[in-house]
Amino acid sequence: QVRLVESGGGLVQAGGSLRLSCVASGLAFRAYTMKWFLQAPGKEREFVALISTGGTPYYADSVKGRFTISRDNAKNTVYLQMNSLKADDTAVYYCAAGSERSNTYWGQGTQVTVSS
């Protein structure tokens, strides 16, 4: 059974930081591109960041310079370090595993709330 389990969300003040984690099981983790998405209330899910199987990151413009995606293949874990958080970052954050243009597996999401 493939499982992606996010953690690390919570309530933080604007300007603060959080680190999200997504632990994968049941798949060959190092063979998958890993991604983070967000979904704010009443809005469509949108791309945040990805990291390729080779470790190359890519970011949405809205988070570039503030967020850092990384992966630890030995721990089957992908991270999203979020700095300089803004109220507009408030959303449920999901991790996904797939290729660079597909998403085969999804986690359940973790809530991030940024107070202003």
PDB file of N, CA and C in Angstrom:
ATOM      1  N   GLN A   1       0.845  -1.177   0.000  1.00  0.00           N
ATOM      2  CA  GLN A   1       0.000   0.000   0.000  1.00  0.00           C
ATOM      3  C   GLN A   1       0.890   1.241   0.000  1.00  0.00           C
ATOM      4  N   VAL A   2       0.670   2.115  -0.965  1.00  0.00           N
ATOM      5  CA  VAL A   2       1.409   3.362  -1.038  1.00  0.00           C
ATOM      6  C   VAL A   2       0.773   4.362  -0.095  1.00  0.00           C
ATOM      7  N   ARG A   3       1.597   4.987   0.710  1.00  0.00           N
ATOM      8  CA  ARG A   3       1.121   6.018   1.621  1.00  0.00           C
ATOM      9  C   ARG A   3       2.072   7.193   1.589  1.00  0.00           C
ATOM     10  N   LEU A   4       1.513   8.388   1.539  1.00  0.00           N
ATOM     11  CA  LEU A   4       2.245   9.630   1.710  1.00  0.00           C
ATOM     12  C   LEU A   4       1.606  10.353   2.883  1.00  0.00           C
ATOM     13  N   VAL A   5       2.383  10.630   3.904  1.00  0.00           N
ATOM     14  CA  VAL A   5       1.852  11.213   5.128  1.00  0.00           C
ATOM     15  C   VAL A   5       2.573  12.515   5.416  1.00  0.00           C
ATOM     16  N   GLU A   6       1.827  13.614   5.327  1.00  0.00           N
ATOM     17  CA  GLU A   6       2.378  14.933   5.607  1.00  0.00           C
ATOM     18  C   GLU A   6       2.280  15.244   7.090  1.00  0.00           C
ATOM     19  N   SER A   7       3.199  16.069   7.560  1.00  0.00           N
ATOM     20  CA  SER A   7       3.158  16.567   8.918  1.00  0.00           C
ATOM     21  C   SER A   7       3.899  17.892   8.970  1.00  0.00           C
ATOM     22  N   GLY A   8       3.765  18.579  10.089  1.00  0.00           N
ATOM     23  CA  GLY A   8       4.497  19.815  10.303  1.00  0.00           C
ATOM     24  C   GLY A   8       3.688  21.079  10.164  1.00  0.00           C
ATOM     25  N   GLY A   9       2.437  20.961   9.735  1.00  0.00           N
ATOM     26  CA  GLY A   9       1.594  22.133   9.630  1.00  0.00           C
ATOM     27  C   GLY A   9       1.198  22.659  10.992  1.00  0.00           C
ATOM     28  N   GLY A  10       0.608  23.834  10.984  1.00  0.00           N
ATOM     29  CA  GLY A  10       0.170  24.450  12.219  1.00  0.00           C
ATOM     30  C   GLY A  10      -0.101  25.916  12.026  1.00  0.00           C
ATOM     31  N   LEU A  11      -0.202  26.612  13.142  1.00  0.00           N
ATOM     32  CA  LEU A  11      -0.478  28.044  13.164  1.00  0.00           C
ATOM     33  C   LEU A  11       0.818  28.795  13.408  1.00  0.00           C
ATOM     34  N   VAL A  12       1.093  29.774  12.571  1.00  0.00           N
ATOM     35  CA  VAL A  12       2.316  30.557  12.693  1.00  0.00           C
ATOM     36  C   VAL A  12       2.004  32.005  12.335  1.00  0.00           C
ATOM     37  N   GLN A  13       2.734  32.922  12.946  1.00  0.00           N
ATOM     38  CA  GLN A  13       2.572  34.335  12.635  1.00  0.00           C
ATOM     39  C   GLN A  13       3.246  34.683  11.312  1.00  0.00           C
ATOM     40  N   ALA A  14       2.720  35.694  10.652  1.00  0.00           N
ATOM     41  CA  ALA A  14       3.361  36.190   9.436  1.00  0.00           C
ATOM     42  C   ALA A  14       4.825  36.514   9.713  1.00  0.00           C
ATOM     43  N   GLY A  15       5.666  36.132   8.770  1.00  0.00           N
ATOM     44  CA  GLY A  15       7.098  36.295   8.932  1.00  0.00           C
ATOM     45  C   GLY A  15       7.790  35.102   9.539  1.00  0.00           C
ATOM     46  N   GLY A  16       7.027  34.170  10.065  1.00  0.00           N
ATOM     47  CA  GLY A  16       7.594  32.998  10.694  1.00  0.00           C
ATOM     48  C   GLY A  16       7.898  31.892   9.711  1.00  0.00           C
ATOM     49  N   SER A  17       8.277  30.744  10.261  1.00  0.00           N
ATOM     50  CA  SER A  17       8.712  29.611   9.460  1.00  0.00           C
ATOM     51  C   SER A  17       8.061  28.323   9.930  1.00  0.00           C
ATOM     52  N   LEU A  18       7.912  27.409   9.007  1.00  0.00           N
ATOM     53  CA  LEU A  18       7.491  26.046   9.285  1.00  0.00           C
ATOM     54  C   LEU A  18       8.258  25.114   8.367  1.00  0.00           C
ATOM     55  N   ARG A  19       8.439  23.887   8.800  1.00  0.00           N
ATOM     56  CA  ARG A  19       8.984  22.858   7.934  1.00  0.00           C
ATOM     57  C   ARG A  19       7.997  21.709   7.846  1.00  0.00           C
ATOM     58  N   LEU A  20       7.516  21.464   6.641  1.00  0.00           N
ATOM     59  CA  LEU A  20       6.626  20.347   6.388  1.00  0.00           C
ATOM     60  C   LEU A  20       7.435  19.119   5.993  1.00  0.00           C
ATOM     61  N   SER A  21       6.945  17.964   6.390  1.00  0.00           N
ATOM     62  CA  SER A  21       7.553  16.696   6.017  1.00  0.00           C
ATOM     63  C   SER A  21       6.509  15.817   5.359  1.00  0.00           C
ATOM     64  N   CYS A  22       6.944  14.991   4.440  1.00  0.00           N
ATOM     65  CA  CYS A  22       6.091  13.996   3.812  1.00  0.00           C
ATOM     66  C   CYS A  22       6.869  12.698   3.755  1.00  0.00           C
ATOM     67  N   VAL A  23       6.406  11.715   4.494  1.00  0.00           N
ATOM     68  CA  VAL A  23       7.050  10.412   4.550  1.00  0.00           C
ATOM     69  C   VAL A  23       6.304   9.455   3.640  1.00  0.00           C
ATOM     70  N   ALA A  24       7.022   8.838   2.727  1.00  0.00           N
ATOM     71  CA  ALA A  24       6.439   7.920   1.760  1.00  0.00           C
ATOM     72  C   ALA A  24       6.767   6.483   2.133  1.00  0.00           C
ATOM     73  N   SER A  25       5.829   5.600   1.845  1.00  0.00           N
ATOM     74  CA  SER A  25       6.052   4.177   2.026  1.00  0.00           C
ATOM     75  C   SER A  25       5.339   3.417   0.921  1.00  0.00           C
ATOM     76  N   GLY A  26       5.825   2.226   0.622  1.00  0.00           N
ATOM     77  CA  GLY A  26       5.185   1.386  -0.374  1.00  0.00           C
ATOM     78  C   GLY A  26       5.537   1.700  -1.819  1.00  0.00           C
ATOM     79  N   LEU A  27       6.535   2.525  -2.043  1.00  0.00           N
ATOM     80  CA  LEU A  27       6.982   2.834  -3.391  1.00  0.00           C
ATOM     81  C   LEU A  27       8.491   3.013  -3.403  1.00  0.00           C
ATOM     82  N   ALA A  28       9.065   2.908  -4.587  1.00  0.00           N
ATOM     83  CA  ALA A  28      10.503   3.133  -4.758  1.00  0.00           C
ATOM     84  C   ALA A  28      10.734   4.634  -4.775  1.00  0.00           C
ATOM     85  N   PHE A  29      10.919   5.194  -3.592  1.00  0.00           N
ATOM     86  CA  PHE A  29      10.903   6.635  -3.404  1.00  0.00           C
ATOM     87  C   PHE A  29      11.876   7.356  -4.323  1.00  0.00           C
ATOM     88  N   ARG A  30      13.096   6.856  -4.446  1.00  0.00           N
ATOM     89  CA  ARG A  30      14.111   7.571  -5.208  1.00  0.00           C
ATOM     90  C   ARG A  30      13.802   7.618  -6.700  1.00  0.00           C
ATOM     91  N   ALA A  31      12.841   6.819  -7.186  1.00  0.00           N
ATOM     92  CA  ALA A  31      12.465   6.814  -8.592  1.00  0.00           C
ATOM     93  C   ALA A  31      11.372   7.823  -8.924  1.00  0.00           C
ATOM     94  N   TYR A  32      10.880   8.552  -7.931  1.00  0.00           N
ATOM     95  CA  TYR A  32       9.758   9.460  -8.125  1.00  0.00           C
ATOM     96  C   TYR A  32      10.155  10.911  -7.963  1.00  0.00           C
ATOM     97  N   THR A  33       9.623  11.736  -8.863  1.00  0.00           N
ATOM     98  CA  THR A  33       9.613  13.167  -8.621  1.00  0.00           C
ATOM     99  C   THR A  33       8.622  13.456  -7.499  1.00  0.00           C
ATOM    100  N   MET A  34       9.038  14.263  -6.557  1.00  0.00           N
ATOM    101  CA  MET A  34       8.189  14.615  -5.425  1.00  0.00           C
ATOM    102  C   MET A  34       7.789  16.076  -5.518  1.00  0.00           C
ATOM    103  N   LYS A  35       6.538  16.352  -5.154  1.00  0.00           N
ATOM    104  CA  LYS A  35       5.986  17.688  -5.307  1.00  0.00           C
ATOM    105  C   LYS A  35       5.196  18.102  -4.074  1.00  0.00           C
ATOM    106  N   TRP A  36       5.071  19.403  -3.913  1.00  0.00           N
ATOM    107  CA  TRP A  36       4.167  19.995  -2.940  1.00  0.00           C
ATOM    108  C   TRP A  36       3.154  20.867  -3.670  1.00  0.00           C
ATOM    109  N   PHE A  37       1.904  20.755  -3.247  1.00  0.00           N
ATOM    110  CA  PHE A  37       0.811  21.578  -3.733  1.00  0.00           C
ATOM    111  C   PHE A  37       0.120  22.230  -2.548  1.00  0.00           C
ATOM    112  N   LEU A  38      -0.650  23.271  -2.825  1.00  0.00           N
ATOM    113  CA  LEU A  38      -1.483  23.867  -1.797  1.00  0.00           C
ATOM    114  C   LEU A  38      -2.884  24.082  -2.334  1.00  0.00           C
ATOM    115  N   GLN A  39      -3.826  24.097  -1.411  1.00  0.00           N
ATOM    116  CA  GLN A  39      -5.203  24.413  -1.761  1.00  0.00           C
ATOM    117  C   GLN A  39      -5.782  25.317  -0.679  1.00  0.00           C
ATOM    118  N   ALA A  40      -6.059  26.548  -1.067  1.00  0.00           N
ATOM    119  CA  ALA A  40      -6.675  27.506  -0.167  1.00  0.00           C
ATOM    120  C   ALA A  40      -8.186  27.362  -0.237  1.00  0.00           C
ATOM    121  N   PRO A  41      -8.890  27.797   0.807  1.00  0.00           N
ATOM    122  CA  PRO A  41     -10.349  27.667   0.805  1.00  0.00           C
ATOM    123  C   PRO A  41     -10.984  28.325  -0.415  1.00  0.00           C
ATOM    124  N   GLY A  42     -11.854  27.588  -1.091  1.00  0.00           N
ATOM    125  CA  GLY A  42     -12.566  28.112  -2.238  1.00  0.00           C
ATOM    126  C   GLY A  42     -11.755  28.245  -3.501  1.00  0.00           C
ATOM    127  N   LYS A  43     -10.526  27.741  -3.518  1.00  0.00           N
ATOM    128  CA  LYS A  43      -9.669  27.875  -4.687  1.00  0.00           C
ATOM    129  C   LYS A  43      -9.190  26.507  -5.164  1.00  0.00           C
ATOM    130  N   GLU A  44      -8.707  26.478  -6.391  1.00  0.00           N
ATOM    131  CA  GLU A  44      -8.162  25.256  -6.958  1.00  0.00           C
ATOM    132  C   GLU A  44      -6.813  24.926  -6.338  1.00  0.00           C
ATOM    133  N   ARG A  45      -6.484  23.647  -6.350  1.00  0.00           N
ATOM    134  CA  ARG A  45      -5.167  23.224  -5.915  1.00  0.00           C
ATOM    135  C   ARG A  45      -4.107  23.769  -6.874  1.00  0.00           C
ATOM    136  N   GLU A  46      -2.994  24.229  -6.331  1.00  0.00           N
ATOM    137  CA  GLU A  46      -1.967  24.803  -7.166  1.00  0.00           C
ATOM    138  C   GLU A  46      -0.583  24.301  -6.781  1.00  0.00           C
ATOM    139  N   PHE A  47       0.280  24.297  -7.747  1.00  0.00           N
ATOM    140  CA  PHE A  47       1.639  23.812  -7.591  1.00  0.00           C
ATOM    141  C   PHE A  47       2.465  24.746  -6.729  1.00  0.00           C
ATOM    142  N   VAL A  48       3.294  24.169  -5.875  1.00  0.00           N
ATOM    143  CA  VAL A  48       4.202  24.928  -5.032  1.00  0.00           C
ATOM    144  C   VAL A  48       5.655  24.670  -5.412  1.00  0.00           C
ATOM    145  N   ALA A  49       6.056  23.404  -5.424  1.00  0.00           N
ATOM    146  CA  ALA A  49       7.452  23.069  -5.669  1.00  0.00           C
ATOM    147  C   ALA A  49       7.565  21.606  -6.044  1.00  0.00           C
ATOM    148  N   LEU A  50       8.638  21.274  -6.740  1.00  0.00           N
ATOM    149  CA  LEU A  50       8.968  19.879  -7.001  1.00  0.00           C
ATOM    150  C   LEU A  50      10.457  19.674  -6.853  1.00  0.00           C
ATOM    151  N   ILE A  51      10.818  18.430  -6.664  1.00  0.00           N
ATOM    152  CA  ILE A  51      12.220  18.043  -6.671  1.00  0.00           C
ATOM    153  C   ILE A  51      12.336  16.772  -7.488  1.00  0.00           C
ATOM    154  N   SER A  52      13.234  16.783  -8.453  1.00  0.00           N
ATOM    155  CA  SER A  52      13.373  15.663  -9.373  1.00  0.00           C
ATOM    156  C   SER A  52      14.070  14.496  -8.698  1.00  0.00           C
ATOM    157  N   THR A  53      14.085  13.380  -9.410  1.00  0.00           N
ATOM    158  CA  THR A  53      14.797  12.216  -8.895  1.00  0.00           C
ATOM    159  C   THR A  53      16.284  12.495  -8.721  1.00  0.00           C
ATOM    160  N   GLY A  54      16.816  13.408  -9.521  1.00  0.00           N
ATOM    161  CA  GLY A  54      18.203  13.789  -9.401  1.00  0.00           C
ATOM    162  C   GLY A  54      18.471  14.880  -8.388  1.00  0.00           C
ATOM    163  N   GLY A  55      17.422  15.388  -7.735  1.00  0.00           N
ATOM    164  CA  GLY A  55      17.585  16.391  -6.702  1.00  0.00           C
ATOM    165  C   GLY A  55      17.472  17.825  -7.177  1.00  0.00           C
ATOM    166  N   THR A  56      17.042  18.042  -8.416  1.00  0.00           N
ATOM    167  CA  THR A  56      16.885  19.394  -8.929  1.00  0.00           C
ATOM    168  C   THR A  56      15.546  19.971  -8.502  1.00  0.00           C
ATOM    169  N   PRO A  57      15.532  21.128  -7.833  1.00  0.00           N
ATOM    170  CA  PRO A  57      14.273  21.723  -7.394  1.00  0.00           C
ATOM    171  C   PRO A  57      13.693  22.687  -8.415  1.00  0.00           C
ATOM    172  N   TYR A  58      12.400  22.912  -8.318  1.00  0.00           N
ATOM    173  CA  TYR A  58      11.701  23.891  -9.133  1.00  0.00           C
ATOM    174  C   TYR A  58      10.572  24.458  -8.297  1.00  0.00           C
ATOM    175  N   TYR A  59      10.344  25.787  -8.389  1.00  0.00           N
ATOM    176  CA  TYR A  59       9.388  26.455  -7.524  1.00  0.00           C
ATOM    177  C   TYR A  59       8.407  27.305  -8.307  1.00  0.00           C
ATOM    178  N   ALA A  60       7.207  27.413  -7.758  1.00  0.00           N
ATOM    179  CA  ALA A  60       6.280  28.417  -8.248  1.00  0.00           C
ATOM    180  C   ALA A  60       6.826  29.801  -7.927  1.00  0.00           C
ATOM    181  N   ASP A  61       6.515  30.767  -8.789  1.00  0.00           N
ATOM    182  CA  ASP A  61       7.027  32.115  -8.584  1.00  0.00           C
ATOM    183  C   ASP A  61       6.618  32.695  -7.235  1.00  0.00           C
ATOM    184  N   SER A  62       5.452  32.326  -6.755  1.00  0.00           N
ATOM    185  CA  SER A  62       4.938  32.909  -5.527  1.00  0.00           C
ATOM    186  C   SER A  62       5.743  32.527  -4.288  1.00  0.00           C
ATOM    187  N   VAL A  63       6.503  31.442  -4.363  1.00  0.00           N
ATOM    188  CA  VAL A  63       7.263  30.991  -3.200  1.00  0.00           C
ATOM    189  C   VAL A  63       8.760  31.027  -3.429  1.00  0.00           C
ATOM    190  N   LYS A  64       9.183  31.348  -4.623  1.00  0.00           N
ATOM    191  CA  LYS A  64      10.611  31.364  -4.945  1.00  0.00           C
ATOM    192  C   LYS A  64      11.344  32.335  -4.028  1.00  0.00           C
ATOM    193  N   GLY A  65      12.427  31.865  -3.451  1.00  0.00           N
ATOM    194  CA  GLY A  65      13.199  32.672  -2.530  1.00  0.00           C
ATOM    195  C   GLY A  65      12.761  32.560  -1.089  1.00  0.00           C
ATOM    196  N   ARG A  66      11.594  31.987  -0.837  1.00  0.00           N
ATOM    197  CA  ARG A  66      11.086  31.822   0.521  1.00  0.00           C
ATOM    198  C   ARG A  66      11.010  30.364   0.951  1.00  0.00           C
ATOM    199  N   PHE A  67      10.667  29.482   0.021  1.00  0.00           N
ATOM    200  CA  PHE A  67      10.491  28.070   0.328  1.00  0.00           C
ATOM    201  C   PHE A  67      11.641  27.270  -0.271  1.00  0.00           C
ATOM    202  N   THR A  68      11.985  26.173   0.377  1.00  0.00           N
ATOM    203  CA  THR A  68      13.008  25.267  -0.117  1.00  0.00           C
ATOM    204  C   THR A  68      12.503  23.835  -0.028  1.00  0.00           C
ATOM    205  N   ILE A  69      12.529  23.134  -1.147  1.00  0.00           N
ATOM    206  CA  ILE A  69      12.171  21.728  -1.166  1.00  0.00           C
ATOM    207  C   ILE A  69      13.447  20.898  -1.130  1.00  0.00           C
ATOM    208  N   SER A  70      13.411  19.805  -0.402  1.00  0.00           N
ATOM    209  CA  SER A  70      14.546  18.906  -0.331  1.00  0.00           C
ATOM    210  C   SER A  70      14.036  17.489  -0.141  1.00  0.00           C
ATOM    211  N   ARG A  71      14.911  16.532  -0.362  1.00  0.00           N
ATOM    212  CA  ARG A  71      14.520  15.145  -0.167  1.00  0.00           C
ATOM    213  C   ARG A  71      15.654  14.376   0.484  1.00  0.00           C
ATOM    214  N   ASP A  72      15.289  13.392   1.270  1.00  0.00           N
ATOM    215  CA  ASP A  72      16.225  12.490   1.901  1.00  0.00           C
ATOM    216  C   ASP A  72      15.797  11.091   1.493  1.00  0.00           C
ATOM    217  N   ASN A  73      16.466  10.549   0.485  1.00  0.00           N
ATOM    218  CA  ASN A  73      16.058   9.256  -0.045  1.00  0.00           C
ATOM    219  C   ASN A  73      16.241   8.131   0.970  1.00  0.00           C
ATOM    220  N   ALA A  74      17.210   8.271   1.852  1.00  0.00           N
ATOM    221  CA  ALA A  74      17.425   7.251   2.871  1.00  0.00           C
ATOM    222  C   ALA A  74      16.267   7.182   3.848  1.00  0.00           C
ATOM    223  N   LYS A  75      15.542   8.295   4.009  1.00  0.00           N
ATOM    224  CA  LYS A  75      14.401   8.346   4.915  1.00  0.00           C
ATOM    225  C   LYS A  75      13.066   8.349   4.195  1.00  0.00           C
ATOM    226  N   ASN A  76      13.080   8.224   2.873  1.00  0.00           N
ATOM    227  CA  ASN A  76      11.851   8.266   2.074  1.00  0.00           C
ATOM    228  C   ASN A  76      11.009   9.491   2.411  1.00  0.00           C
ATOM    229  N   THR A  77      11.672  10.621   2.538  1.00  0.00           N
ATOM    230  CA  THR A  77      11.008  11.831   3.009  1.00  0.00           C
ATOM    231  C   THR A  77      11.333  13.016   2.115  1.00  0.00           C
ATOM    232  N   VAL A  78      10.315  13.807   1.821  1.00  0.00           N
ATOM    233  CA  VAL A  78      10.490  15.082   1.161  1.00  0.00           C
ATOM    234  C   VAL A  78      10.066  16.177   2.135  1.00  0.00           C
ATOM    235  N   TYR A  79      10.790  17.283   2.125  1.00  0.00           N
ATOM    236  CA  TYR A  79      10.552  18.384   3.040  1.00  0.00           C
ATOM    237  C   TYR A  79      10.199  19.645   2.268  1.00  0.00           C
ATOM    238  N   LEU A  80       9.484  20.524   2.928  1.00  0.00           N
ATOM    239  CA  LEU A  80       9.256  21.865   2.424  1.00  0.00           C
ATOM    240  C   LEU A  80       9.539  22.837   3.558  1.00  0.00           C
ATOM    241  N   GLN A  81      10.672  23.510   3.477  1.00  0.00           N
ATOM    242  CA  GLN A  81      11.019  24.545   4.439  1.00  0.00           C
ATOM    243  C   GLN A  81      10.378  25.841   3.986  1.00  0.00           C
ATOM    244  N   MET A  82       9.527  26.420   4.820  1.00  0.00           N
ATOM    245  CA  MET A  82       8.772  27.608   4.482  1.00  0.00           C
ATOM    246  C   MET A  82       9.215  28.735   5.397  1.00  0.00           C
ATOM    247  N   ASN A  83       9.818  29.752   4.826  1.00  0.00           N
ATOM    248  CA  ASN A  83      10.270  30.924   5.563  1.00  0.00           C
ATOM    249  C   ASN A  83       9.508  32.156   5.097  1.00  0.00           C
ATOM    250  N   SER A  84       9.579  33.202   5.896  1.00  0.00           N
ATOM    251  CA  SER A  84       8.920  34.471   5.566  1.00  0.00           C
ATOM    252  C   SER A  84       7.470  34.255   5.168  1.00  0.00           C
ATOM    253  N   LEU A  85       6.765  33.503   5.982  1.00  0.00           N
ATOM    254  CA  LEU A  85       5.392  33.134   5.647  1.00  0.00           C
ATOM    255  C   LEU A  85       4.472  34.345   5.639  1.00  0.00           C
ATOM    256  N   LYS A  86       3.523  34.311   4.717  1.00  0.00           N
ATOM    257  CA  LYS A  86       2.532  35.356   4.539  1.00  0.00           C
ATOM    258  C   LYS A  86       1.143  34.791   4.783  1.00  0.00           C
ATOM    259  N   ALA A  87       0.204  35.664   5.065  1.00  0.00           N
ATOM    260  CA  ALA A  87      -1.171  35.221   5.255  1.00  0.00           C
ATOM    261  C   ALA A  87      -1.691  34.487   4.030  1.00  0.00           C
ATOM    262  N   ASP A  88      -1.258  34.887   2.851  1.00  0.00           N
ATOM    263  CA  ASP A  88      -1.707  34.237   1.619  1.00  0.00           C
ATOM    264  C   ASP A  88      -1.183  32.815   1.470  1.00  0.00           C
ATOM    265  N   ASP A  89      -0.221  32.422   2.287  1.00  0.00           N
ATOM    266  CA  ASP A  89       0.265  31.048   2.269  1.00  0.00           C
ATOM    267  C   ASP A  89      -0.680  30.092   2.986  1.00  0.00           C
ATOM    268  N   THR A  90      -1.668  30.620   3.681  1.00  0.00           N
ATOM    269  CA  THR A  90      -2.617  29.785   4.411  1.00  0.00           C
ATOM    270  C   THR A  90      -3.334  28.848   3.455  1.00  0.00           C
ATOM    271  N   ALA A  91      -3.243  27.557   3.727  1.00  0.00           N
ATOM    272  CA  ALA A  91      -3.815  26.553   2.842  1.00  0.00           C
ATOM    273  C   ALA A  91      -3.567  25.180   3.440  1.00  0.00           C
ATOM    274  N   VAL A  92      -4.190  24.186   2.836  1.00  0.00           N
ATOM    275  CA  VAL A  92      -3.813  22.801   3.076  1.00  0.00           C
ATOM    276  C   VAL A  92      -2.713  22.454   2.094  1.00  0.00           C
ATOM    277  N   TYR A  93      -1.628  21.904   2.599  1.00  0.00           N
ATOM    278  CA  TYR A  93      -0.486  21.533   1.782  1.00  0.00           C
ATOM    279  C   TYR A  93      -0.458  20.029   1.589  1.00  0.00           C
ATOM    280  N   TYR A  94      -0.314  19.607   0.338  1.00  0.00           N
ATOM    281  CA  TYR A  94      -0.309  18.208  -0.039  1.00  0.00           C
ATOM    282  C   TYR A  94       1.019  17.842  -0.693  1.00  0.00           C
ATOM    283  N   CYS A  95       1.513  16.663  -0.410  1.00  0.00           N
ATOM    284  CA  CYS A  95       2.625  16.152  -1.189  1.00  0.00           C
ATOM    285  C   CYS A  95       2.116  15.135  -2.195  1.00  0.00           C
ATOM    286  N   ALA A  96       2.865  14.978  -3.277  1.00  0.00           N
ATOM    287  CA  ALA A  96       2.496  14.068  -4.346  1.00  0.00           C
ATOM    288  C   ALA A  96       3.748  13.410  -4.898  1.00  0.00           C
ATOM    289  N   ALA A  97       3.576  12.198  -5.386  1.00  0.00           N
ATOM    290  CA  ALA A  97       4.656  11.444  -6.014  1.00  0.00           C
ATOM    291  C   ALA A  97       4.249  11.077  -7.431  1.00  0.00           C
ATOM    292  N   GLY A  98       5.167  11.233  -8.372  1.00  0.00           N
ATOM    293  CA  GLY A  98       4.878  10.900  -9.749  1.00  0.00           C
ATOM    294  C   GLY A  98       6.065  11.168 -10.635  1.00  0.00           C
ATOM    295  N   SER A  99       5.783  11.637 -11.841  1.00  0.00           N
ATOM    296  CA  SER A  99       6.804  12.135 -12.746  1.00  0.00           C
ATOM    297  C   SER A  99       6.787  13.653 -12.686  1.00  0.00           C
ATOM    298  N   GLU A 100       7.590  14.297 -13.510  1.00  0.00           N
ATOM    299  CA  GLU A 100       7.617  15.757 -13.478  1.00  0.00           C
ATOM    300  C   GLU A 100       6.326  16.363 -13.998  1.00  0.00           C
ATOM    301  N   ARG A 101       5.531  15.602 -14.732  1.00  0.00           N
ATOM    302  CA  ARG A 101       4.274  16.129 -15.262  1.00  0.00           C
ATOM    303  C   ARG A 101       3.062  15.275 -14.910  1.00  0.00           C
ATOM    304  N   SER A 102       3.201  14.371 -13.972  1.00  0.00           N
ATOM    305  CA  SER A 102       2.069  13.583 -13.518  1.00  0.00           C
ATOM    306  C   SER A 102       2.170  13.368 -12.018  1.00  0.00           C
ATOM    307  N   ASN A 103       1.042  13.096 -11.410  1.00  0.00           N
ATOM    308  CA  ASN A 103       0.964  12.869  -9.963  1.00  0.00           C
ATOM    309  C   ASN A 103       0.176  11.596  -9.730  1.00  0.00           C
ATOM    310  N   THR A 104       0.869  10.550  -9.353  1.00  0.00           N
ATOM    311  CA  THR A 104       0.258   9.247  -9.182  1.00  0.00           C
ATOM    312  C   THR A 104      -0.314   9.046  -7.789  1.00  0.00           C
ATOM    313  N   TYR A 105       0.392   9.539  -6.786  1.00  0.00           N
ATOM    314  CA  TYR A 105      -0.006   9.336  -5.399  1.00  0.00           C
ATOM    315  C   TYR A 105      -0.044  10.665  -4.678  1.00  0.00           C
ATOM    316  N   TRP A 106      -0.998  10.758  -3.736  1.00  0.00           N
ATOM    317  CA  TRP A 106      -1.208  11.978  -2.965  1.00  0.00           C
ATOM    318  C   TRP A 106      -1.283  11.679  -1.485  1.00  0.00           C
ATOM    319  N   GLY A 107      -0.802  12.606  -0.696  1.00  0.00           N
ATOM    320  CA  GLY A 107      -1.000  12.535   0.737  1.00  0.00           C
ATOM    321  C   GLY A 107      -2.331  13.132   1.136  1.00  0.00           C
ATOM    322  N   GLN A 108      -2.593  13.112   2.432  1.00  0.00           N
ATOM    323  CA  GLN A 108      -3.879  13.574   2.945  1.00  0.00           C
ATOM    324  C   GLN A 108      -3.912  15.074   3.212  1.00  0.00           C
ATOM    325  N   GLY A 109      -2.766  15.712   3.237  1.00  0.00           N
ATOM    326  CA  GLY A 109      -2.680  17.135   3.454  1.00  0.00           C
ATOM    327  C   GLY A 109      -2.427  17.507   4.898  1.00  0.00           C
ATOM    328  N   THR A 110      -1.822  18.659   5.086  1.00  0.00           N
ATOM    329  CA  THR A 110      -1.609  19.220   6.413  1.00  0.00           C
ATOM    330  C   THR A 110      -1.917  20.714   6.356  1.00  0.00           C
ATOM    331  N   GLN A 111      -2.622  21.205   7.363  1.00  0.00           N
ATOM    332  CA  GLN A 111      -3.095  22.580   7.375  1.00  0.00           C
ATOM    333  C   GLN A 111      -1.996  23.523   7.833  1.00  0.00           C
ATOM    334  N   VAL A 112      -1.785  24.578   7.061  1.00  0.00           N
ATOM    335  CA  VAL A 112      -0.898  25.671   7.437  1.00  0.00           C
ATOM    336  C   VAL A 112      -1.735  26.932   7.531  1.00  0.00           C
ATOM    337  N   THR A 113      -1.699  27.573   8.683  1.00  0.00           N
ATOM    338  CA  THR A 113      -2.437  28.809   8.892  1.00  0.00           C
ATOM    339  C   THR A 113      -1.463  29.888   9.327  1.00  0.00           C
ATOM    340  N   VAL A 114      -1.430  30.979   8.587  1.00  0.00           N
ATOM    341  CA  VAL A 114      -0.529  32.094   8.868  1.00  0.00           C
ATOM    342  C   VAL A 114      -1.374  33.281   9.291  1.00  0.00           C
ATOM    343  N   SER A 115      -1.155  33.756  10.495  1.00  0.00           N
ATOM    344  CA  SER A 115      -1.900  34.886  11.018  1.00  0.00           C
ATOM    345  C   SER A 115      -1.159  36.182  10.710  1.00  0.00           C
ATOM    346  N   SER A 116      -1.912  37.222  10.404  1.00  0.00           N
ATOM    347  CA  SER A 116      -1.327  38.498  10.043  1.00  0.00           C
ATOM    348  C   SER A 116      -1.529  39.545  11.129  1.00  0.00           C
TER     349      SER A 116
END
